[in-house]
Amino acid sequence: MTRAFLLKDTRIAARAGAVLPGVPTLLVVQALAFAGAAVWILGFGEAVPSSFWGPFASSFVTVAFFLAALGPAAAGFAGAMQEAVPEIAESLSSAPLDPLRFYLGKAALPAIQGFAVQLALLPTWAFLAGVGAIPAAAAASAFLASMAVVPVSALSGSTRLAAGVPRRSAIGFRRGAGQGANSQLGFVIVGMFWSSQVARGLGSASHGAGVIGALLGAARPLLPMLLLDGSRTRLFAAELPSILLTPLMAVTLMAWRISVAVVGSERTEAADKRRALTTVIVARGLFAAWVFAAVFVAGRAAAAAAGGLALLWAVGAGIPGATRREEARDAALSTLVPGLLGTLAAGFGGLAFWIAASVTGAVTAAALPPRKIEGRRAFAFTVLLLIGIGAPAIAAFVTPLAPVIGPIGSVFTVMTCASLPAAIVSMAQDRFGAVPLWDSVEAAVPGLHPWRPWIVAPLLFGAIAAIAIWRSSRKKG
C-alpha cells in the first residue's frame, strides 16, 4: 500500500513535470554563485574577504533548515489532500486502507524530494568547508541534521490530513473533503533572509549553563544552525556528540506524530490503535525526560520545572478520540519515564515532584474538551497557557502598586494561584529551591505563600474534570 501511493504520487508529479522540484534551480543558483566568486577573484586579483563567509554560512545553513522543515511538510499535506477529493475519497471509503501505510505512502515522495534538495546543496557545503568558513566536522553534522529533519517534516505534512479538515471527510476518507494546501513560500523567504547574527547568537547561547542555553542545547541535534558553534549536547553530567542523538530525536518525533494520526483515524483496527496509543504515551514521556535531562545542568529546580512544563504541554495537546477518563489515564502514564528518571537523578524529591506533576497533567487533560477537528481543545489550552503565564507576570508588577490601584492585584494573584504552569513551577521550587524568574514572582506576590498554586490549581481543575466526566456519563446513560 505504501509503494502504491508512492508510485501514484510519482506519476502525478511526473505529469506535472515536478518530480524533483527545486533541484535544478538550486544547482543553477549555486553555479552562478561560484561563477560570481570566480569573477571577483579574476577582477580584483584577491580572494573573497573571509569576513563575508561567516554571515553567508549562517544564512545558508538556515536556508537549508527551512527547506528541510517546510518544503516536505507542504508537499506531504498537498499530496494527502489529493485523496480527499470527493471522487477519490468515495472510492477510498470502501477500500481496505491501513491508515499507517496511507500516511507513510503519502510522505514517501515528499521525503525523497526533500532528500534530493538537501543533496543538491552539497556543493555549497563542500565549498564552505573548503574555504574554512565552517569546520568540516560541523558542516557534516549540520548537513546530516538537515537530512534528518526531512522525514519528520514529510510525516508532519501527510498526517495533517488527520487534523486539518472536518472529521466526517478526513478521518474516514469520505465524500465532502476539499482540496488545497497552505503556501509556505513566505516562511522559506523569511528563512533565506534570517539574520546570520541570530543563528550565531543562538549557537553561542546554547553553550551557556542557564535554562535558555540548556534548552537550546537540547534542540541542537535537529537544528543545524546550532551545530556551527558546537556539536555536543549535555544530558545530566554527560556530554554527547549531538549528531549521535539526532536519529533518536527524529525517530521519536516521527513515531509520535504518526501514532497520533493513527489513533485518531476511524479506520484503525483496535490492536493497531492500542499499539499507537502506547507509542504516543512513551513518546510524550521521552520528550519530558529529554527536557528534564538537558536542563539538569542549570539545577534540579530548573530541570524539574522545565520537564514538568514539557509534560503539561504534551498532555494538553490531547489524543484524538479519547474520552476524558482516557485522557487522564494516558496523561498519568506519560509521567512514568520522566518520573523514573527524576527519581534516579533527584531522589525522593524527584519522585514527589513527578507524582504532583502527574496529578496536574491528569486533571488538565481531563478538564479540557476532547480533541476533535473543531479545535476547541487547542483553543482552550492555548488560552489557559496564556493566562497561566501572563497572570504571574502581571501580578508581580501590580501587587507592589496595591496602595494606588486597589484590589486589582488581588485578582491576578488569584489567577496565579489557579495557573497550571505556576502549579508545576511552584512545586519545583518547593522541592528543590529557587526557580529562575519564578522566585522573583513569589518575592513580589506575598499572597502566593499561603495558597500554593500546585495545590490550588489541581484542585480547581480536578473539580472541573470531575464535573465534565459526570456530565458526559449522564449523556451516555
Protein backbone atom coordinates (compact mmCIF):
# COMPACT_ATOMS: atom_id res chain seq x y z
CA MET A 1 0.00 0.00 0.00
CA THR A 2 2.83 2.40 0.82
CA ARG A 3 4.51 1.63 -2.50
CA ALA A 4 1.25 2.08 -4.37
CA PHE A 5 0.77 5.59 -3.04
CA LEU A 6 4.42 6.42 -3.79
CA LEU A 7 4.08 5.27 -7.39
CA LYS A 8 0.80 7.11 -7.80
CA ASP A 9 2.22 10.38 -6.46
CA THR A 10 5.32 9.95 -8.63
CA ARG A 11 3.21 9.56 -11.76
CA ILE A 12 1.17 12.64 -10.86
CA ALA A 13 4.34 14.63 -10.22
CA ALA A 14 5.89 13.39 -13.49
CA ARG A 15 2.88 14.52 -15.50
CA ALA A 16 3.22 17.94 -13.85
CA GLY A 17 6.98 18.00 -14.52
CA ALA A 18 7.80 18.31 -10.82
CA VAL A 19 9.26 15.00 -9.69
CA LEU A 20 12.19 16.77 -8.01
CA PRO A 21 11.02 20.38 -7.73
CA GLY A 22 13.62 22.99 -6.89
CA VAL A 23 16.67 20.84 -7.57
CA PRO A 24 17.57 22.32 -10.99
CA THR A 25 17.04 25.85 -9.65
CA LEU A 26 19.31 25.24 -6.67
CA LEU A 27 22.05 23.84 -8.91
CA VAL A 28 21.82 26.84 -11.24
CA VAL A 29 21.88 29.33 -8.35
CA GLN A 30 24.94 27.65 -6.85
CA ALA A 31 26.69 27.65 -10.22
CA LEU A 32 26.02 31.38 -10.58
CA ALA A 33 27.33 31.99 -7.04
CA PHE A 34 30.54 30.08 -7.78
CA ALA A 35 30.89 31.98 -11.03
CA GLY A 36 30.48 35.25 -9.15
CA ALA A 37 33.24 34.25 -6.73
CA ALA A 38 35.48 33.41 -9.69
CA VAL A 39 34.76 36.79 -11.33
CA TRP A 40 35.65 38.54 -8.05
CA ILE A 41 38.98 36.72 -7.87
CA LEU A 42 39.81 37.42 -11.51
CA GLY A 43 38.65 41.02 -11.36
CA PHE A 44 40.22 42.09 -8.07
CA GLY A 45 43.10 39.65 -8.01
CA GLU A 46 42.32 38.52 -4.46
CA ALA A 47 40.07 36.05 -2.71
CA VAL A 48 36.67 36.98 -1.40
CA PRO A 49 37.17 38.55 2.06
CA SER A 50 36.95 35.99 4.84
CA SER A 51 34.60 38.29 6.79
CA PHE A 52 31.94 37.57 4.16
CA TRP A 53 31.88 33.81 4.59
CA GLY A 54 30.80 33.72 8.26
CA PRO A 55 27.48 35.54 7.79
CA PHE A 56 26.94 33.76 4.47
CA ALA A 57 27.47 30.35 6.09
CA SER A 58 24.95 31.11 8.86
CA SER A 59 22.37 32.28 6.32
CA PHE A 60 22.99 29.26 4.10
CA VAL A 61 22.56 26.78 6.96
CA THR A 62 19.33 28.50 7.94
CA VAL A 63 18.05 28.29 4.37
CA ALA A 64 18.91 24.57 4.28
CA PHE A 65 17.00 24.01 7.51
CA PHE A 66 13.91 25.89 6.32
CA LEU A 67 13.90 23.96 3.05
CA ALA A 68 14.09 20.71 5.02
CA ALA A 69 11.47 21.72 7.58
CA LEU A 70 8.83 23.38 5.39
CA GLY A 71 9.17 22.01 1.87
CA PRO A 72 8.39 18.33 2.58
CA ALA A 73 5.63 19.34 5.02
CA ALA A 74 3.85 21.43 2.39
CA ALA A 75 4.28 18.70 -0.24
CA GLY A 76 3.08 15.98 2.13
CA PHE A 77 -0.05 17.90 3.06
CA ALA A 78 -0.84 18.69 -0.58
CA GLY A 79 -0.36 15.03 -1.52
CA ALA A 80 -2.60 13.81 1.29
CA MET A 81 -5.28 16.32 0.36
CA GLN A 82 -5.41 14.86 -3.15
CA GLU A 83 -7.02 11.78 -1.64
CA ALA A 84 -9.73 13.97 -0.09
CA VAL A 85 -11.15 14.94 -3.49
CA PRO A 86 -14.80 13.78 -3.39
CA GLU A 87 -14.42 11.23 -6.21
CA ILE A 88 -11.25 9.70 -4.76
CA ALA A 89 -12.50 9.85 -1.17
CA GLU A 90 -15.64 7.96 -2.21
CA SER A 91 -13.61 5.07 -3.59
CA LEU A 92 -11.25 5.03 -0.62
CA SER A 93 -14.13 4.89 1.84
CA SER A 94 -14.83 1.27 0.87
CA ALA A 95 -11.21 0.21 0.28
CA PRO A 96 -9.27 -1.86 2.85
CA LEU A 97 -6.99 1.06 3.67
CA ASP A 98 -4.49 0.92 6.53
CA PRO A 99 -4.05 4.47 7.93
CA LEU A 100 -0.42 3.82 8.87
CA ARG A 101 0.52 2.76 5.37
CA PHE A 102 -1.53 5.60 3.91
CA TYR A 103 0.35 8.25 5.88
CA LEU A 104 3.72 6.62 5.15
CA GLY A 105 2.87 6.35 1.46
CA LYS A 106 1.84 9.97 1.18
CA ALA A 107 5.02 11.05 2.98
CA ALA A 108 7.35 8.94 0.81
CA LEU A 109 7.63 11.18 -2.26
CA PRO A 110 7.91 14.45 -0.26
CA ALA A 111 10.71 12.82 1.76
CA ILE A 112 12.53 11.75 -1.41
CA GLN A 113 12.13 15.25 -2.83
CA GLY A 114 13.42 16.76 0.41
CA PHE A 115 16.47 14.49 0.39
CA ALA A 116 17.15 15.48 -3.23
CA VAL A 117 17.02 19.18 -2.32
CA GLN A 118 19.47 18.67 0.52
CA LEU A 119 21.81 16.65 -1.70
CA ALA A 120 21.63 19.42 -4.29
CA LEU A 121 23.12 21.75 -1.66
CA LEU A 122 26.17 19.54 -1.16
CA PRO A 123 28.42 21.62 -3.46
CA THR A 124 27.95 24.67 -1.25
CA TRP A 125 28.52 22.62 1.90
CA ALA A 126 31.79 21.33 0.43
CA PHE A 127 32.80 24.81 -0.71
CA LEU A 128 32.19 26.38 2.70
CA ALA A 129 34.17 23.63 4.39
CA GLY A 130 36.94 24.07 1.81
CA VAL A 131 37.34 27.82 2.35
CA GLY A 132 37.29 27.35 6.12
CA ALA A 133 34.00 29.17 6.75
CA ILE A 134 32.67 26.07 8.52
CA PRO A 135 34.79 23.28 10.06
CA ALA A 136 34.43 20.09 8.06
CA ALA A 137 33.02 18.18 11.04
CA ALA A 138 30.46 20.92 11.76
CA ALA A 139 29.47 21.03 8.09
CA ALA A 140 28.94 17.27 8.02
CA SER A 141 26.91 17.36 11.24
CA ALA A 142 24.74 20.24 10.04
CA PHE A 143 24.13 18.53 6.70
CA LEU A 144 23.12 15.26 8.37
CA ALA A 145 20.86 17.13 10.80
CA SER A 146 19.10 18.81 7.86
CA MET A 147 18.66 15.40 6.24
CA ALA A 148 17.15 14.05 9.46
CA VAL A 149 14.60 16.88 9.55
CA VAL A 150 13.25 15.91 6.10
CA PRO A 151 11.30 12.72 7.05
CA VAL A 152 9.98 14.40 10.20
CA SER A 153 8.66 17.25 8.07
CA ALA A 154 7.18 14.93 5.43
CA LEU A 155 5.29 12.91 8.03
CA SER A 156 4.06 16.07 9.71
CA GLY A 157 2.61 17.19 6.40
CA SER A 158 0.98 13.91 5.41
CA THR A 159 -0.61 13.44 8.84
CA ARG A 160 -2.14 16.92 8.83
CA LEU A 161 -5.00 15.30 6.96
CA ALA A 162 -5.99 13.73 10.28
CA ALA A 163 -6.45 17.15 11.87
CA GLY A 164 -6.67 19.68 9.09
CA VAL A 165 -10.13 19.10 7.58
CA PRO A 166 -13.53 18.11 9.03
CA ARG A 167 -13.63 14.70 10.67
CA ARG A 168 -16.50 13.46 8.52
CA SER A 169 -14.37 13.76 5.41
CA ALA A 170 -10.77 13.42 6.60
CA ILE A 171 -10.56 10.65 9.16
CA GLY A 172 -12.83 8.26 7.32
CA PHE A 173 -11.85 9.41 3.82
CA ARG A 174 -15.46 10.13 2.98
CA ARG A 175 -17.16 12.39 0.50
CA GLY A 176 -17.13 16.07 1.26
CA ALA A 177 -13.47 16.94 1.69
CA GLY A 178 -11.96 19.85 -0.15
CA GLN A 179 -8.66 20.48 -1.82
CA GLY A 180 -5.94 22.94 -1.10
CA ALA A 181 -2.78 23.46 0.85
CA ASN A 182 -1.40 26.50 2.52
CA SER A 183 1.52 28.06 0.73
CA GLN A 184 4.58 28.23 2.93
CA LEU A 185 6.81 30.02 0.45
CA GLY A 186 6.74 33.09 2.66
CA PHE A 187 8.30 31.18 5.52
CA VAL A 188 11.08 29.94 3.25
CA ILE A 189 11.76 33.51 2.15
CA VAL A 190 11.90 34.58 5.79
CA GLY A 191 14.42 31.81 6.40
CA MET A 192 16.53 32.95 3.46
CA PHE A 193 16.82 36.43 4.93
CA TRP A 194 17.11 35.39 8.55
CA SER A 195 19.99 37.31 10.04
CA SER A 196 23.18 35.34 10.39
CA GLN A 197 23.74 37.08 13.72
CA VAL A 198 20.57 35.43 15.08
CA ALA A 199 21.85 31.97 14.20
CA ARG A 200 25.26 32.76 15.61
CA GLY A 201 23.70 34.21 18.75
CA LEU A 202 21.61 31.10 19.32
CA GLY A 203 24.63 28.92 18.80
CA SER A 204 26.62 30.88 21.35
CA ALA A 205 23.75 30.96 23.86
CA SER A 206 23.34 27.19 23.63
CA HIS A 207 26.74 26.78 25.34
CA GLY A 208 25.61 28.65 28.45
CA ALA A 209 24.74 26.99 31.71
CA GLY A 210 21.43 28.81 32.11
CA VAL A 211 17.98 27.47 31.34
CA ILE A 212 17.81 29.04 27.87
CA GLY A 213 21.24 27.72 26.98
CA ALA A 214 20.32 24.23 28.19
CA LEU A 215 17.07 24.22 26.19
CA LEU A 216 18.88 25.35 23.05
CA GLY A 217 21.46 22.66 23.66
CA ALA A 218 18.71 20.05 23.86
CA ALA A 219 17.35 21.16 20.50
CA ARG A 220 20.77 21.27 18.85
CA PRO A 221 20.63 17.74 17.30
CA LEU A 222 17.78 18.81 14.98
CA LEU A 223 18.80 22.45 14.48
CA PRO A 224 21.77 22.61 12.09
CA MET A 225 22.18 26.36 12.76
CA LEU A 226 23.30 25.49 16.30
CA LEU A 227 25.83 22.92 15.10
CA LEU A 228 28.08 25.57 13.58
CA ASP A 229 29.41 26.66 17.01
CA GLY A 230 29.32 23.34 18.78
CA SER A 231 28.47 19.72 18.24
CA ARG A 232 27.88 18.33 21.72
CA THR A 233 24.73 18.09 23.81
CA ARG A 234 24.82 17.82 27.58
CA LEU A 235 22.44 15.42 29.35
CA PHE A 236 22.91 15.40 33.12
CA ALA A 237 26.70 15.26 33.58
CA ALA A 238 27.44 13.61 30.23
CA GLU A 239 28.35 15.46 27.05
CA LEU A 240 27.46 13.52 23.92
CA PRO A 241 28.04 14.26 20.23
CA SER A 242 24.86 15.94 19.07
CA ILE A 243 24.78 14.13 15.75
CA LEU A 244 24.56 10.78 17.56
CA LEU A 245 21.38 11.99 19.26
CA THR A 246 19.84 13.25 16.02
CA PRO A 247 18.41 9.86 14.91
CA LEU A 248 16.86 9.29 18.36
CA MET A 249 15.10 12.66 18.32
CA ALA A 250 13.96 12.27 14.70
CA VAL A 251 12.56 8.77 15.23
CA THR A 252 10.78 9.82 18.43
CA LEU A 253 9.12 12.81 16.74
CA MET A 254 8.09 10.75 13.71
CA ALA A 255 6.67 7.95 15.84
CA TRP A 256 4.80 10.46 18.00
CA ARG A 257 3.32 12.31 15.04
CA ILE A 258 2.20 9.32 13.03
CA SER A 259 0.88 7.46 16.09
CA VAL A 260 -1.38 10.40 16.97
CA ALA A 261 -2.76 10.31 13.43
CA VAL A 262 -3.27 6.54 13.53
CA VAL A 263 -5.05 6.72 16.89
CA GLY A 264 -7.36 9.41 15.53
CA SER A 265 -8.33 7.50 12.40
CA GLU A 266 -11.69 5.78 12.38
CA ARG A 267 -10.25 3.05 10.16
CA THR A 268 -7.59 1.87 12.60
CA GLU A 269 -8.04 -1.63 13.99
CA ALA A 270 -8.32 -2.00 17.75
CA ALA A 271 -4.95 -3.76 18.11
CA ASP A 272 -3.18 -1.16 15.98
CA LYS A 273 -4.83 1.62 17.93
CA ARG A 274 -3.55 0.18 21.21
CA ARG A 275 -0.01 -0.03 19.85
CA ALA A 276 -0.21 3.51 18.51
CA LEU A 277 -1.56 4.78 21.83
CA THR A 278 1.30 3.12 23.69
CA THR A 279 3.74 4.79 21.30
CA VAL A 280 2.17 8.20 21.97
CA ILE A 281 2.43 7.72 25.74
CA VAL A 282 6.07 6.62 25.53
CA ALA A 283 6.98 9.46 23.14
CA ARG A 284 5.41 12.04 25.45
CA GLY A 285 7.34 10.62 28.37
CA LEU A 286 10.60 10.63 26.42
CA PHE A 287 10.00 14.25 25.43
CA ALA A 288 9.56 15.35 29.04
CA ALA A 289 12.51 13.22 30.16
CA TRP A 290 14.70 14.72 27.42
CA VAL A 291 13.92 18.26 28.54
CA PHE A 292 14.50 17.32 32.19
CA ALA A 293 17.88 15.74 31.42
CA ALA A 294 19.00 18.62 29.20
CA VAL A 295 18.14 21.36 31.71
CA PHE A 296 19.59 19.45 34.68
CA VAL A 297 22.85 21.33 34.16
CA ALA A 298 21.02 24.52 35.22
CA GLY A 299 19.96 22.95 38.54
CA ARG A 300 17.39 20.49 39.81
CA ALA A 301 14.72 23.12 40.31
CA ALA A 302 15.01 24.46 36.77
CA ALA A 303 15.16 20.94 35.31
CA ALA A 304 12.05 19.82 37.18
CA ALA A 305 10.15 22.95 36.17
CA ALA A 306 11.15 22.63 32.50
CA GLY A 307 10.40 18.91 32.36
CA GLY A 308 7.05 19.35 34.08
CA LEU A 309 6.05 22.15 31.71
CA ALA A 310 7.07 20.00 28.74
CA LEU A 311 4.85 17.20 30.05
CA LEU A 312 1.98 19.64 30.64
CA TRP A 313 2.23 20.85 27.04
CA ALA A 314 2.35 17.30 25.69
CA VAL A 315 -0.70 16.04 27.59
CA GLY A 316 -2.59 19.28 26.97
CA ALA A 317 -2.47 18.61 23.24
CA GLY A 318 -4.62 15.54 23.85
CA ILE A 319 -5.20 12.33 21.91
CA PRO A 320 -7.83 12.18 19.14
CA GLY A 321 -10.89 10.15 20.03
CA ALA A 322 -10.01 9.74 23.72
CA THR A 323 -12.62 10.31 26.41
CA ARG A 324 -11.87 12.47 29.43
CA ARG A 325 -11.23 9.41 31.58
CA GLU A 326 -8.83 8.03 28.99
CA GLU A 327 -7.09 11.38 28.70
CA ALA A 328 -6.47 11.42 32.46
CA ARG A 329 -5.20 7.83 32.44
CA ASP A 330 -2.88 8.40 29.46
CA ALA A 331 -1.54 11.63 30.96
CA ALA A 332 -0.69 9.84 34.21
CA LEU A 333 1.04 7.02 32.32
CA SER A 334 3.09 9.55 30.37
CA THR A 335 4.90 10.52 33.58
CA LEU A 336 6.37 7.04 34.14
CA VAL A 337 9.52 7.61 32.08
CA PRO A 338 10.39 11.10 33.39
CA GLY A 339 9.26 10.06 36.87
CA LEU A 340 11.69 7.14 36.93
CA LEU A 341 14.47 9.32 35.57
CA GLY A 342 13.68 12.10 38.05
CA THR A 343 13.69 9.67 40.97
CA LEU A 344 17.10 8.30 39.97
CA ALA A 345 18.52 11.80 39.49
CA ALA A 346 16.93 13.68 42.39
CA GLY A 347 15.87 11.01 44.87
CA PHE A 348 12.69 11.31 46.93
CA GLY A 349 12.24 14.93 45.96
CA GLY A 350 12.17 13.94 42.30
CA LEU A 351 9.59 11.23 42.98
CA ALA A 352 7.37 13.63 44.92
CA PHE A 353 7.60 16.25 42.18
CA TRP A 354 6.67 13.89 39.37
CA ILE A 355 3.75 12.48 41.36
CA ALA A 356 2.44 16.04 41.71
CA ALA A 357 3.15 16.68 38.01
CA SER A 358 1.27 13.50 37.15
CA VAL A 359 -1.80 14.66 39.06
CA THR A 360 -1.62 18.13 37.47
CA GLY A 361 -1.26 16.66 34.00
CA ALA A 362 -4.09 14.18 34.51
CA VAL A 363 -6.62 16.76 35.73
CA THR A 364 -5.57 19.16 32.97
CA ALA A 365 -6.02 16.53 30.26
CA ALA A 366 -9.43 15.55 31.64
CA ALA A 367 -10.68 19.09 32.20
CA LEU A 368 -10.03 20.23 28.63
CA PRO A 369 -12.55 19.45 25.87
CA PRO A 370 -11.87 16.23 23.94
CA ARG A 371 -9.54 16.64 20.98
CA LYS A 372 -11.58 16.99 17.83
CA ILE A 373 -11.15 18.61 14.46
CA GLU A 374 -13.08 21.69 15.54
CA GLY A 375 -10.06 22.73 17.59
CA ARG A 376 -11.84 23.64 20.84
CA ARG A 377 -9.28 21.79 22.94
CA ALA A 378 -6.35 23.55 21.28
CA PHE A 379 -8.04 26.92 21.72
CA ALA A 380 -8.93 26.27 25.38
CA PHE A 381 -5.45 25.02 26.21
CA THR A 382 -3.81 27.97 24.48
CA VAL A 383 -5.96 30.38 26.47
CA LEU A 384 -5.11 28.59 29.72
CA LEU A 385 -1.39 28.75 28.96
CA LEU A 386 -1.51 32.43 28.05
CA ILE A 387 -3.42 33.25 31.22
CA GLY A 388 -1.21 30.97 33.27
CA ILE A 389 1.95 32.65 32.00
CA GLY A 390 0.63 36.21 31.88
CA ALA A 391 -1.09 36.27 35.27
CA PRO A 392 2.08 35.75 37.36
CA ALA A 393 3.95 38.40 35.38
CA ILE A 394 1.14 40.93 35.80
CA ALA A 395 0.67 40.04 39.46
CA ALA A 396 4.35 40.63 40.14
CA PHE A 397 4.07 44.04 38.50
CA VAL A 398 0.81 45.31 40.02
CA THR A 399 0.98 43.87 43.56
CA PRO A 400 3.53 46.47 44.78
CA LEU A 401 1.18 49.12 43.37
CA ALA A 402 -1.76 47.97 45.54
CA PRO A 403 -1.94 51.27 47.51
CA VAL A 404 -2.53 53.07 44.21
CA ILE A 405 -4.61 50.68 42.09
CA GLY A 406 -6.55 48.95 44.85
CA PRO A 407 -7.62 45.29 44.71
CA ILE A 408 -6.71 44.73 41.06
CA GLY A 409 -3.53 42.99 42.11
CA SER A 410 -5.55 40.51 44.17
CA VAL A 411 -7.40 39.40 41.05
CA PHE A 412 -4.16 38.50 39.32
CA THR A 413 -2.90 36.82 42.48
CA VAL A 414 -5.94 34.53 42.44
CA MET A 415 -5.41 33.83 38.75
CA THR A 416 -1.78 32.97 39.50
CA CYS A 417 -2.83 30.53 42.23
CA ALA A 418 -5.06 28.79 39.67
CA SER A 419 -2.39 28.81 36.94
CA LEU A 420 -1.36 25.44 35.57
CA PRO A 421 2.21 26.50 34.64
CA ALA A 422 2.54 28.09 38.07
CA ALA A 423 1.45 24.81 39.66
CA ILE A 424 4.36 22.98 38.02
CA VAL A 425 6.94 25.66 38.73
CA SER A 426 5.87 26.30 42.33
CA MET A 427 6.12 22.59 43.11
CA ALA A 428 9.63 22.52 41.65
CA GLN A 429 10.61 25.48 43.81
CA ASP A 430 9.14 23.96 46.97
CA ARG A 431 11.02 20.71 46.41
CA PHE A 432 14.38 21.86 45.03
CA GLY A 433 14.83 25.58 45.68
CA ALA A 434 14.63 28.76 43.64
CA VAL A 435 13.47 28.50 40.03
CA PRO A 436 14.74 31.33 37.78
CA LEU A 437 12.10 34.07 37.25
CA TRP A 438 9.53 32.35 39.45
CA ASP A 439 11.42 33.18 42.62
CA SER A 440 11.07 36.86 41.69
CA VAL A 441 7.32 36.40 41.25
CA GLU A 442 6.94 34.82 44.68
CA ALA A 443 9.02 37.57 46.27
CA ALA A 444 6.76 40.23 44.73
CA VAL A 445 3.42 38.47 45.44
CA PRO A 446 3.12 37.52 49.14
CA GLY A 447 -0.34 36.04 48.55
CA LEU A 448 1.20 33.01 46.84
CA HIS A 449 2.74 31.70 50.04
CA PRO A 450 -0.38 30.59 51.96
CA TRP A 451 -2.12 29.43 48.76
CA ARG A 452 0.33 27.35 46.78
CA PRO A 453 -0.52 27.02 43.05
CA TRP A 454 0.49 23.35 43.00
CA ILE A 455 -2.34 22.71 45.46
CA VAL A 456 -4.98 25.18 44.27
CA ALA A 457 -4.73 24.60 40.50
CA PRO A 458 -5.03 20.76 40.60
CA LEU A 459 -7.98 21.01 43.00
CA LEU A 460 -9.74 23.53 40.75
CA PHE A 461 -9.18 21.67 37.50
CA GLY A 462 -9.81 18.36 39.21
CA ALA A 463 -13.27 19.61 40.16
CA ILE A 464 -13.85 20.79 36.59
CA ALA A 465 -12.73 17.42 35.24
CA ALA A 466 -14.97 15.52 37.68
CA ILE A 467 -18.00 17.58 36.70
CA ALA A 468 -17.24 17.13 33.00
CA ILE A 469 -16.82 13.37 33.36
CA TRP A 470 -20.07 13.14 35.35
CA ARG A 471 -21.98 15.13 32.73
CA SER A 472 -20.61 13.01 29.88
CA SER A 473 -21.52 9.80 31.71
CA ARG A 474 -25.08 11.11 32.20
CA LYS A 475 -25.39 11.83 28.49
CA LYS A 476 -24.24 8.33 27.60
CA GLY A 477 -26.61 6.89 30.15
